[in-house]
Amino acid sequence: MIELNFGAGNDRLLVPVMWLFVAVLVTFVATRLVTRHIRARSTREPSETTTEVESGATTEVFRDINIGGVHIHHQVFGILLMAIVGVALIATTPEGAALNIFSAAFGVGLALTLDEFALWLHLDDVYWSTDGRKSIDAIFCALAITGVLIGGSEFVSGTIGSSGWWLSICYLLIGLAISVVCMLKGKYVTGIVGVMVEPIAIIGALRLAKPDSWWARRRYATKPARMQRARARFGEEYNARWNRMRDLVAGEHGTGTS
């Protein structure tokens, strides 16, 4: 789906994207370490907290931010940072080191925002709940896409209006259609990453849909054998396996809030 170019002429794109990727990765890791620390402290026994108060050891560098009784989620800072960087990029069109700095700053804001993707998807504080794992998927998609872009990529090639240009447009549309099939089958991460890496989308589109997906409800309703196979493939064992991987990276989910 994408054309990879590794020449030096792409440095203006590749270096800022590299800084974006690094910023997203580092910020995500740092954010999860901080939130896991705050969560661990908040779930300690009351007697431990009382002991800390009596000993004067209650000063914490990392703690939830509350203003006027309102918990300020870290996605707020991410959104503000992305807005500021976006305005600055439009107003100044920087190059060189300045562009790299802006790219890294945007990556920090992007990571802070996507780390609470589940919150703005559900409009509820589900950070440590089962639904909160959607944030890990969102971060994974961002890292996968920016990681591919570091190699240098062009969605469309050739001079506008030329046969090569139209061919690349058709190729792109076909790839997008395949990714949409993945999403209809309930494979959202596969569909998003497949926009950049087409073989992943093709495999996801050809294989069975998840049993609770739009595709399965519409296409497997009259095919009980296929629905049974889908339920067997994407059953509790499958979900448990992927959830263990998510929790290993970002902390155990299933109970509590951020």
C-alpha atoms as a PDB file:
ATOM      1  CA  MET A   1       0.000   0.000   0.000  1.00  0.00           C
ATOM      2  CA  ILE A   2       2.838   2.383   0.733  1.00  0.00           C
ATOM      3  CA  GLU A   3       6.003   3.086  -1.161  1.00  0.00           C
ATOM      4  CA  LEU A   4       9.120   3.033   1.000  1.00  0.00           C
ATOM      5  CA  ASN A   5      12.035   5.343   0.220  1.00  0.00           C
ATOM      6  CA  PHE A   6      15.282   5.277   2.150  1.00  0.00           C
ATOM      7  CA  GLY A   7      17.159   8.125   0.458  1.00  0.00           C
ATOM      8  CA  ALA A   8      18.668  11.111   2.267  1.00  0.00           C
ATOM      9  CA  GLY A   9      16.177  13.392   0.541  1.00  0.00           C
ATOM     10  CA  ASN A  10      13.509  12.259   2.968  1.00  0.00           C
ATOM     11  CA  ASP A  11      15.391  13.456   6.055  1.00  0.00           C
ATOM     12  CA  ARG A  12      13.048  16.412   6.464  1.00  0.00           C
ATOM     13  CA  LEU A  13      10.240  13.894   7.017  1.00  0.00           C
ATOM     14  CA  LEU A  14      12.077  10.995   8.632  1.00  0.00           C
ATOM     15  CA  VAL A  15      13.893  12.812  11.439  1.00  0.00           C
ATOM     16  CA  PRO A  16      10.815  14.640  12.815  1.00  0.00           C
ATOM     17  CA  VAL A  17       8.779  11.415  12.593  1.00  0.00           C
ATOM     18  CA  MET A  18      11.554   9.608  14.454  1.00  0.00           C
ATOM     19  CA  TRP A  19      11.359  12.187  17.247  1.00  0.00           C
ATOM     20  CA  LEU A  20       7.571  11.803  17.247  1.00  0.00           C
ATOM     21  CA  PHE A  21       7.889   8.021  17.607  1.00  0.00           C
ATOM     22  CA  VAL A  22      10.451   8.266  20.418  1.00  0.00           C
ATOM     23  CA  ALA A  23       8.359  10.858  22.265  1.00  0.00           C
ATOM     24  CA  VAL A  24       5.212   8.731  22.060  1.00  0.00           C
ATOM     25  CA  LEU A  25       7.046   5.626  23.291  1.00  0.00           C
ATOM     26  CA  VAL A  26       8.936   7.331  26.141  1.00  0.00           C
ATOM     27  CA  THR A  27       5.914   9.330  27.293  1.00  0.00           C
ATOM     28  CA  PHE A  28       3.668   6.267  27.264  1.00  0.00           C
ATOM     29  CA  VAL A  29       6.147   4.232  29.321  1.00  0.00           C
ATOM     30  CA  ALA A  30       6.705   7.101  31.773  1.00  0.00           C
ATOM     31  CA  THR A  31       2.970   7.777  32.094  1.00  0.00           C
ATOM     32  CA  ARG A  32       2.180   4.140  32.816  1.00  0.00           C
ATOM     33  CA  LEU A  33       4.944   3.947  35.430  1.00  0.00           C
ATOM     34  CA  VAL A  34       3.548   7.034  37.161  1.00  0.00           C
ATOM     35  CA  THR A  35      -0.089   5.911  37.044  1.00  0.00           C
ATOM     36  CA  ARG A  36       0.822   2.449  38.306  1.00  0.00           C
ATOM     37  CA  HIS A  37       2.734   4.049  41.181  1.00  0.00           C
ATOM     38  CA  ILE A  38      -0.250   6.250  42.070  1.00  0.00           C
ATOM     39  CA  ARG A  39      -2.617   3.291  41.854  1.00  0.00           C
ATOM     40  CA  ALA A  40      -0.399   1.115  44.043  1.00  0.00           C
ATOM     41  CA  ARG A  41      -0.226   3.858  46.691  1.00  0.00           C
ATOM     42  CA  SER A  42      -3.992   4.412  46.637  1.00  0.00           C
ATOM     43  CA  THR A  43      -4.706   0.701  47.173  1.00  0.00           C
ATOM     44  CA  ARG A  44      -2.439   0.267  50.190  1.00  0.00           C
ATOM     45  CA  GLU A  45      -3.863  -0.593  53.581  1.00  0.00           C
ATOM     46  CA  PRO A  46      -5.279   2.370  55.564  1.00  0.00           C
ATOM     47  CA  SER A  47      -2.853   1.569  58.405  1.00  0.00           C
ATOM     48  CA  GLU A  48       0.089   2.178  56.084  1.00  0.00           C
ATOM     49  CA  THR A  49      -1.285   5.566  55.062  1.00  0.00           C
ATOM     50  CA  THR A  50      -1.842   6.513  58.714  1.00  0.00           C
ATOM     51  CA  THR A  51       1.744   5.585  59.535  1.00  0.00           C
ATOM     52  CA  GLU A  52       3.007   7.814  56.720  1.00  0.00           C
ATOM     53  CA  VAL A  53       0.934  10.756  57.960  1.00  0.00           C
ATOM     54  CA  GLU A  54       2.214  10.340  61.508  1.00  0.00           C
ATOM     55  CA  SER A  55       5.821  10.120  60.330  1.00  0.00           C
ATOM     56  CA  GLY A  56       5.473  13.122  58.014  1.00  0.00           C
ATOM     57  CA  ALA A  57       6.297  11.051  54.924  1.00  0.00           C
ATOM     58  CA  THR A  58       3.223  12.048  52.945  1.00  0.00           C
ATOM     59  CA  THR A  59       4.908  14.239  50.328  1.00  0.00           C
ATOM     60  CA  GLU A  60       4.558  12.568  46.947  1.00  0.00           C
ATOM     61  CA  VAL A  61       6.085  13.811  43.724  1.00  0.00           C
ATOM     62  CA  PHE A  62       3.614  11.787  41.663  1.00  0.00           C
ATOM     63  CA  ARG A  63      -0.043  12.153  42.608  1.00  0.00           C
ATOM     64  CA  ASP A  64      -3.412  12.842  41.033  1.00  0.00           C
ATOM     65  CA  ILE A  65      -4.056  16.477  40.147  1.00  0.00           C
ATOM     66  CA  ASN A  66      -7.291  17.820  41.596  1.00  0.00           C
ATOM     67  CA  ILE A  67      -8.472  21.401  41.111  1.00  0.00           C
ATOM     68  CA  GLY A  68     -11.606  22.505  42.879  1.00  0.00           C
ATOM     69  CA  GLY A  69     -12.501  18.896  43.565  1.00  0.00           C
ATOM     70  CA  VAL A  70     -12.186  17.984  39.880  1.00  0.00           C
ATOM     71  CA  HIS A  71      -9.713  15.265  38.872  1.00  0.00           C
ATOM     72  CA  ILE A  72      -7.682  16.614  35.945  1.00  0.00           C
ATOM     73  CA  HIS A  73      -6.827  13.666  33.694  1.00  0.00           C
ATOM     74  CA  HIS A  74      -3.481  13.670  31.905  1.00  0.00           C
ATOM     75  CA  GLN A  75      -5.216  13.657  28.531  1.00  0.00           C
ATOM     76  CA  VAL A  76      -6.152  17.293  29.231  1.00  0.00           C
ATOM     77  CA  PHE A  77      -2.472  18.251  29.204  1.00  0.00           C
ATOM     78  CA  GLY A  78      -1.952  16.163  26.075  1.00  0.00           C
ATOM     79  CA  ILE A  79      -4.768  17.916  24.215  1.00  0.00           C
ATOM     80  CA  LEU A  80      -3.538  21.351  25.275  1.00  0.00           C
ATOM     81  CA  LEU A  81       0.025  20.510  24.244  1.00  0.00           C
ATOM     82  CA  MET A  82      -1.081  19.228  20.823  1.00  0.00           C
ATOM     83  CA  ALA A  83      -3.206  22.357  20.299  1.00  0.00           C
ATOM     84  CA  ILE A  84      -0.294  24.645  21.158  1.00  0.00           C
ATOM     85  CA  VAL A  85       2.123  22.726  18.939  1.00  0.00           C
ATOM     86  CA  GLY A  86      -0.401  22.642  16.090  1.00  0.00           C
ATOM     87  CA  VAL A  87      -0.866  26.423  16.181  1.00  0.00           C
ATOM     88  CA  ALA A  88       2.904  26.925  16.388  1.00  0.00           C
ATOM     89  CA  LEU A  89       3.528  24.640  13.401  1.00  0.00           C
ATOM     90  CA  ILE A  90       0.956  26.466  11.290  1.00  0.00           C
ATOM     91  CA  ALA A  91       2.169  29.917  12.326  1.00  0.00           C
ATOM     92  CA  THR A  92       5.928  29.364  12.045  1.00  0.00           C
ATOM     93  CA  THR A  93       6.436  26.379   9.656  1.00  0.00           C
ATOM     94  CA  PRO A  94       9.750  25.548  11.398  1.00  0.00           C
ATOM     95  CA  GLU A  95      12.584  23.527   9.945  1.00  0.00           C
ATOM     96  CA  GLY A  96      15.612  21.700  11.277  1.00  0.00           C
ATOM     97  CA  ALA A  97      16.028  21.476  15.050  1.00  0.00           C
ATOM     98  CA  ALA A  98      12.899  23.539  15.709  1.00  0.00           C
ATOM     99  CA  LEU A  99      10.776  21.099  13.698  1.00  0.00           C
ATOM    100  CA  ASN A 100      12.269  18.167  15.619  1.00  0.00           C
ATOM    101  CA  ILE A 101      11.450  19.831  18.943  1.00  0.00           C
ATOM    102  CA  PHE A 102       7.868  20.529  17.855  1.00  0.00           C
ATOM    103  CA  SER A 103       7.541  16.921  16.635  1.00  0.00           C
ATOM    104  CA  ALA A 104       8.727  15.548  19.975  1.00  0.00           C
ATOM    105  CA  ALA A 105       6.383  17.887  21.862  1.00  0.00           C
ATOM    106  CA  PHE A 106       3.467  16.793  19.688  1.00  0.00           C
ATOM    107  CA  GLY A 107       4.415  13.165  20.377  1.00  0.00           C
ATOM    108  CA  VAL A 108       4.281  13.825  24.125  1.00  0.00           C
ATOM    109  CA  GLY A 109       0.809  15.322  23.769  1.00  0.00           C
ATOM    110  CA  LEU A 110      -0.330  12.475  21.523  1.00  0.00           C
ATOM    111  CA  ALA A 111       0.833   9.829  24.007  1.00  0.00           C
ATOM    112  CA  LEU A 112      -0.827  11.567  26.965  1.00  0.00           C
ATOM    113  CA  THR A 113      -4.072  11.792  25.013  1.00  0.00           C
ATOM    114  CA  LEU A 114      -4.107   8.271  23.560  1.00  0.00           C
ATOM    115  CA  ASP A 115      -3.188   6.799  26.941  1.00  0.00           C
ATOM    116  CA  GLU A 116      -6.727   7.780  27.940  1.00  0.00           C
ATOM    117  CA  PHE A 117      -8.328   6.868  24.619  1.00  0.00           C
ATOM    118  CA  ALA A 118     -10.816   4.602  26.404  1.00  0.00           C
ATOM    119  CA  LEU A 119     -11.959   7.509  28.567  1.00  0.00           C
ATOM    120  CA  TRP A 120     -12.926   9.766  25.673  1.00  0.00           C
ATOM    121  CA  LEU A 121     -14.347   6.786  23.791  1.00  0.00           C
ATOM    122  CA  HIS A 122     -16.664   5.749  26.635  1.00  0.00           C
ATOM    123  CA  LEU A 123     -16.998   9.200  28.259  1.00  0.00           C
ATOM    124  CA  ASP A 124     -16.301   7.477  31.543  1.00  0.00           C
ATOM    125  CA  ASP A 125     -13.278   6.960  33.792  1.00  0.00           C
ATOM    126  CA  VAL A 126     -12.430   3.412  32.744  1.00  0.00           C
ATOM    127  CA  TYR A 127      -8.628   3.720  32.914  1.00  0.00           C
ATOM    128  CA  TRP A 128      -8.055   0.590  35.009  1.00  0.00           C
ATOM    129  CA  SER A 129     -11.186  -1.267  33.951  1.00  0.00           C
ATOM    130  CA  THR A 130     -11.466  -3.914  31.250  1.00  0.00           C
ATOM    131  CA  ASP A 131     -12.513  -1.251  28.719  1.00  0.00           C
ATOM    132  CA  GLY A 132      -9.366   0.681  29.611  1.00  0.00           C
ATOM    133  CA  ARG A 133      -7.319  -1.791  27.588  1.00  0.00           C
ATOM    134  CA  LYS A 134      -8.538   0.019  24.453  1.00  0.00           C
ATOM    135  CA  SER A 135      -6.035   2.748  25.320  1.00  0.00           C
ATOM    136  CA  ILE A 136      -3.191   0.234  24.973  1.00  0.00           C
ATOM    137  CA  ASP A 137      -4.481  -0.730  21.536  1.00  0.00           C
ATOM    138  CA  ALA A 138      -4.613   2.951  20.528  1.00  0.00           C
ATOM    139  CA  ILE A 139      -1.016   3.523  21.629  1.00  0.00           C
ATOM    140  CA  PHE A 140       0.082   0.385  19.782  1.00  0.00           C
ATOM    141  CA  CYS A 141      -1.543   1.677  16.574  1.00  0.00           C
ATOM    142  CA  ALA A 142       0.175   5.062  16.921  1.00  0.00           C
ATOM    143  CA  LEU A 143       3.574   3.422  17.465  1.00  0.00           C
ATOM    144  CA  ALA A 144       3.056   1.013  14.559  1.00  0.00           C
ATOM    145  CA  ILE A 145       2.082   3.753  12.123  1.00  0.00           C
ATOM    146  CA  THR A 146       4.828   6.201  13.130  1.00  0.00           C
ATOM    147  CA  GLY A 147       7.318   3.328  13.154  1.00  0.00           C
ATOM    148  CA  VAL A 148       6.518   2.533   9.527  1.00  0.00           C
ATOM    149  CA  LEU A 149       6.734   6.219   8.612  1.00  0.00           C
ATOM    150  CA  ILE A 150      10.271   6.416  10.003  1.00  0.00           C
ATOM    151  CA  GLY A 151      11.312   4.226   7.077  1.00  0.00           C
ATOM    152  CA  GLY A 152      10.016   6.864   4.686  1.00  0.00           C
ATOM    153  CA  SER A 153       6.666   6.449   3.000  1.00  0.00           C
ATOM    154  CA  GLU A 154       4.464   8.041   0.382  1.00  0.00           C
ATOM    155  CA  PHE A 155       0.800   7.197   0.164  1.00  0.00           C
ATOM    156  CA  VAL A 156       0.578   8.473  -3.392  1.00  0.00           C
ATOM    157  CA  SER A 157       3.367   8.471  -5.987  1.00  0.00           C
ATOM    158  CA  GLY A 158       3.821   9.993  -9.412  1.00  0.00           C
ATOM    159  CA  THR A 159       2.821  13.333 -10.920  1.00  0.00           C
ATOM    160  CA  ILE A 160      -0.764  14.363 -10.220  1.00  0.00           C
ATOM    161  CA  GLY A 161      -2.995  13.187 -13.047  1.00  0.00           C
ATOM    162  CA  SER A 162      -0.488  10.726 -14.472  1.00  0.00           C
ATOM    163  CA  SER A 163      -1.240   7.029 -14.925  1.00  0.00           C
ATOM    164  CA  GLY A 164       1.139   6.188 -12.076  1.00  0.00           C
ATOM    165  CA  TRP A 165      -0.659   8.644  -9.792  1.00  0.00           C
ATOM    166  CA  TRP A 166      -4.088   7.183 -10.600  1.00  0.00           C
ATOM    167  CA  LEU A 167      -2.738   3.662 -10.139  1.00  0.00           C
ATOM    168  CA  SER A 168      -1.435   4.514  -6.677  1.00  0.00           C
ATOM    169  CA  ILE A 169      -4.790   6.138  -5.804  1.00  0.00           C
ATOM    170  CA  CYS A 170      -6.653   2.962  -6.797  1.00  0.00           C
ATOM    171  CA  TYR A 171      -4.167   0.858  -4.870  1.00  0.00           C
ATOM    172  CA  LEU A 172      -4.674   3.025  -1.805  1.00  0.00           C
ATOM    173  CA  LEU A 173      -8.480   2.799  -2.041  1.00  0.00           C
ATOM    174  CA  ILE A 174      -8.347  -0.984  -2.381  1.00  0.00           C
ATOM    175  CA  GLY A 175      -6.099  -1.166   0.667  1.00  0.00           C
ATOM    176  CA  LEU A 176      -8.467   1.068   2.649  1.00  0.00           C
ATOM    177  CA  ALA A 177     -11.406  -1.142   1.648  1.00  0.00           C
ATOM    178  CA  ILE A 178      -9.553  -4.212   2.928  1.00  0.00           C
ATOM    179  CA  SER A 179      -8.859  -2.417   6.212  1.00  0.00           C
ATOM    180  CA  VAL A 180     -12.545  -1.551   6.523  1.00  0.00           C
ATOM    181  CA  VAL A 181     -13.388  -5.266   6.165  1.00  0.00           C
ATOM    182  CA  CYS A 182     -11.016  -5.974   9.058  1.00  0.00           C
ATOM    183  CA  MET A 183     -12.796  -3.429  11.213  1.00  0.00           C
ATOM    184  CA  LEU A 184     -16.219  -4.802  10.269  1.00  0.00           C
ATOM    185  CA  LYS A 185     -14.908  -8.158  11.449  1.00  0.00           C
ATOM    186  CA  GLY A 186     -14.085  -6.617  14.812  1.00  0.00           C
ATOM    187  CA  LYS A 187     -10.310  -6.459  14.211  1.00  0.00           C
ATOM    188  CA  TYR A 188      -9.766  -2.749  14.789  1.00  0.00           C
ATOM    189  CA  VAL A 189      -6.042  -2.791  15.503  1.00  0.00           C
ATOM    190  CA  THR A 190      -5.418  -5.029  12.486  1.00  0.00           C
ATOM    191  CA  GLY A 191      -7.466  -2.692  10.295  1.00  0.00           C
ATOM    192  CA  ILE A 192      -5.669   0.457  11.430  1.00  0.00           C
ATOM    193  CA  VAL A 193      -2.172  -1.019  11.191  1.00  0.00           C
ATOM    194  CA  GLY A 194      -3.174  -2.633   7.894  1.00  0.00           C
ATOM    195  CA  VAL A 195      -3.633   0.803   6.349  1.00  0.00           C
ATOM    196  CA  MET A 196       0.148   1.096   6.534  1.00  0.00           C
ATOM    197  CA  VAL A 197       1.129  -2.584   6.198  1.00  0.00           C
ATOM    198  CA  GLU A 198      -1.228  -4.140   3.666  1.00  0.00           C
ATOM    199  CA  PRO A 199      -0.362  -7.853   4.204  1.00  0.00           C
ATOM    200  CA  ILE A 200      -1.615  -7.589   7.792  1.00  0.00           C
ATOM    201  CA  ALA A 201      -4.952  -6.212   6.556  1.00  0.00           C
ATOM    202  CA  ILE A 202      -5.283  -8.934   3.907  1.00  0.00           C
ATOM    203  CA  ILE A 203      -4.713 -11.706   6.460  1.00  0.00           C
ATOM    204  CA  GLY A 204      -7.188 -10.123   8.873  1.00  0.00           C
ATOM    205  CA  ALA A 205      -9.826  -9.704   6.159  1.00  0.00           C
ATOM    206  CA  LEU A 206      -9.538 -13.313   4.991  1.00  0.00           C
ATOM    207  CA  ARG A 207      -9.737 -14.935   8.408  1.00  0.00           C
ATOM    208  CA  LEU A 208     -12.821 -15.434  10.575  1.00  0.00           C
ATOM    209  CA  ALA A 209     -14.637 -12.467  12.081  1.00  0.00           C
ATOM    210  CA  LYS A 210     -14.984 -12.027  15.820  1.00  0.00           C
ATOM    211  CA  PRO A 211     -18.350 -13.429  16.962  1.00  0.00           C
ATOM    212  CA  ASP A 212     -19.640 -10.104  18.338  1.00  0.00           C
ATOM    213  CA  SER A 213     -18.628  -8.084  15.272  1.00  0.00           C
ATOM    214  CA  TRP A 214     -20.910  -6.495  12.659  1.00  0.00           C
ATOM    215  CA  TRP A 215     -19.665  -8.997  10.062  1.00  0.00           C
ATOM    216  CA  ALA A 216     -20.466 -12.042  12.208  1.00  0.00           C
ATOM    217  CA  ARG A 217     -23.927 -10.779  13.149  1.00  0.00           C
ATOM    218  CA  ARG A 218     -24.807 -10.171   9.501  1.00  0.00           C
ATOM    219  CA  ARG A 219     -22.936 -12.939   7.699  1.00  0.00           C
ATOM    220  CA  TYR A 220     -22.832 -15.793  10.197  1.00  0.00           C
ATOM    221  CA  ALA A 221     -26.471 -15.626  11.323  1.00  0.00           C
ATOM    222  CA  THR A 222     -27.394 -18.376   8.852  1.00  0.00           C
ATOM    223  CA  LYS A 223     -24.069 -20.194   9.160  1.00  0.00           C
ATOM    224  CA  PRO A 224     -24.020 -21.739  12.653  1.00  0.00           C
ATOM    225  CA  ALA A 225     -20.922 -23.809  11.934  1.00  0.00           C
ATOM    226  CA  ARG A 226     -18.905 -20.714  11.036  1.00  0.00           C
ATOM    227  CA  MET A 227     -20.222 -18.813  14.068  1.00  0.00           C
ATOM    228  CA  GLN A 228     -19.216 -21.738  16.255  1.00  0.00           C
ATOM    229  CA  ARG A 229     -15.708 -21.685  14.794  1.00  0.00           C
ATOM    230  CA  ALA A 230     -15.492 -17.936  15.412  1.00  0.00           C
ATOM    231  CA  ARG A 231     -16.543 -18.352  19.041  1.00  0.00           C
ATOM    232  CA  ALA A 232     -14.006 -21.124  19.510  1.00  0.00           C
ATOM    233  CA  ARG A 233     -11.184 -19.061  17.967  1.00  0.00           C
ATOM    234  CA  PHE A 234     -12.008 -15.818  19.770  1.00  0.00           C
ATOM    235  CA  GLY A 235     -13.172 -17.309  23.049  1.00  0.00           C
ATOM    236  CA  GLU A 236     -12.109 -16.645  26.620  1.00  0.00           C
ATOM    237  CA  GLU A 237      -8.675 -18.189  26.111  1.00  0.00           C
ATOM    238  CA  TYR A 238      -7.954 -15.845  23.188  1.00  0.00           C
ATOM    239  CA  ASN A 239      -9.077 -12.769  25.142  1.00  0.00           C
ATOM    240  CA  ALA A 240      -7.165 -13.844  28.240  1.00  0.00           C
ATOM    241  CA  ARG A 241      -3.978 -14.276  26.213  1.00  0.00           C
ATOM    242  CA  TRP A 242      -4.149 -10.803  24.692  1.00  0.00           C
ATOM    243  CA  ASN A 243      -5.211  -9.228  27.979  1.00  0.00           C
ATOM    244  CA  ARG A 244      -2.163 -10.720  29.696  1.00  0.00           C
ATOM    245  CA  MET A 245       0.052  -9.082  27.077  1.00  0.00           C
ATOM    246  CA  ARG A 246      -1.672  -5.703  27.512  1.00  0.00           C
ATOM    247  CA  ASP A 247      -1.489  -5.899  31.295  1.00  0.00           C
ATOM    248  CA  LEU A 248       2.179  -6.878  31.177  1.00  0.00           C
ATOM    249  CA  VAL A 249       2.919  -3.624  29.350  1.00  0.00           C
ATOM    250  CA  ALA A 250       0.523  -1.233  31.034  1.00  0.00           C
ATOM    251  CA  GLY A 251      -0.475  -2.720  34.370  1.00  0.00           C
ATOM    252  CA  GLU A 252      -3.299  -4.989  35.474  1.00  0.00           C
ATOM    253  CA  HIS A 253      -6.771  -3.924  34.349  1.00  0.00           C
ATOM    254  CA  GLY A 254     -10.190  -5.084  35.427  1.00  0.00           C
ATOM    255  CA  THR A 255     -10.977  -3.056  38.526  1.00  0.00           C
ATOM    256  CA  GLY A 256     -10.692   0.493  39.758  1.00  0.00           C
ATOM    257  CA  THR A 257     -10.378   3.857  38.019  1.00  0.00           C
ATOM    258  CA  SER A 258      -7.515   6.130  37.136  1.00  0.00           C
END
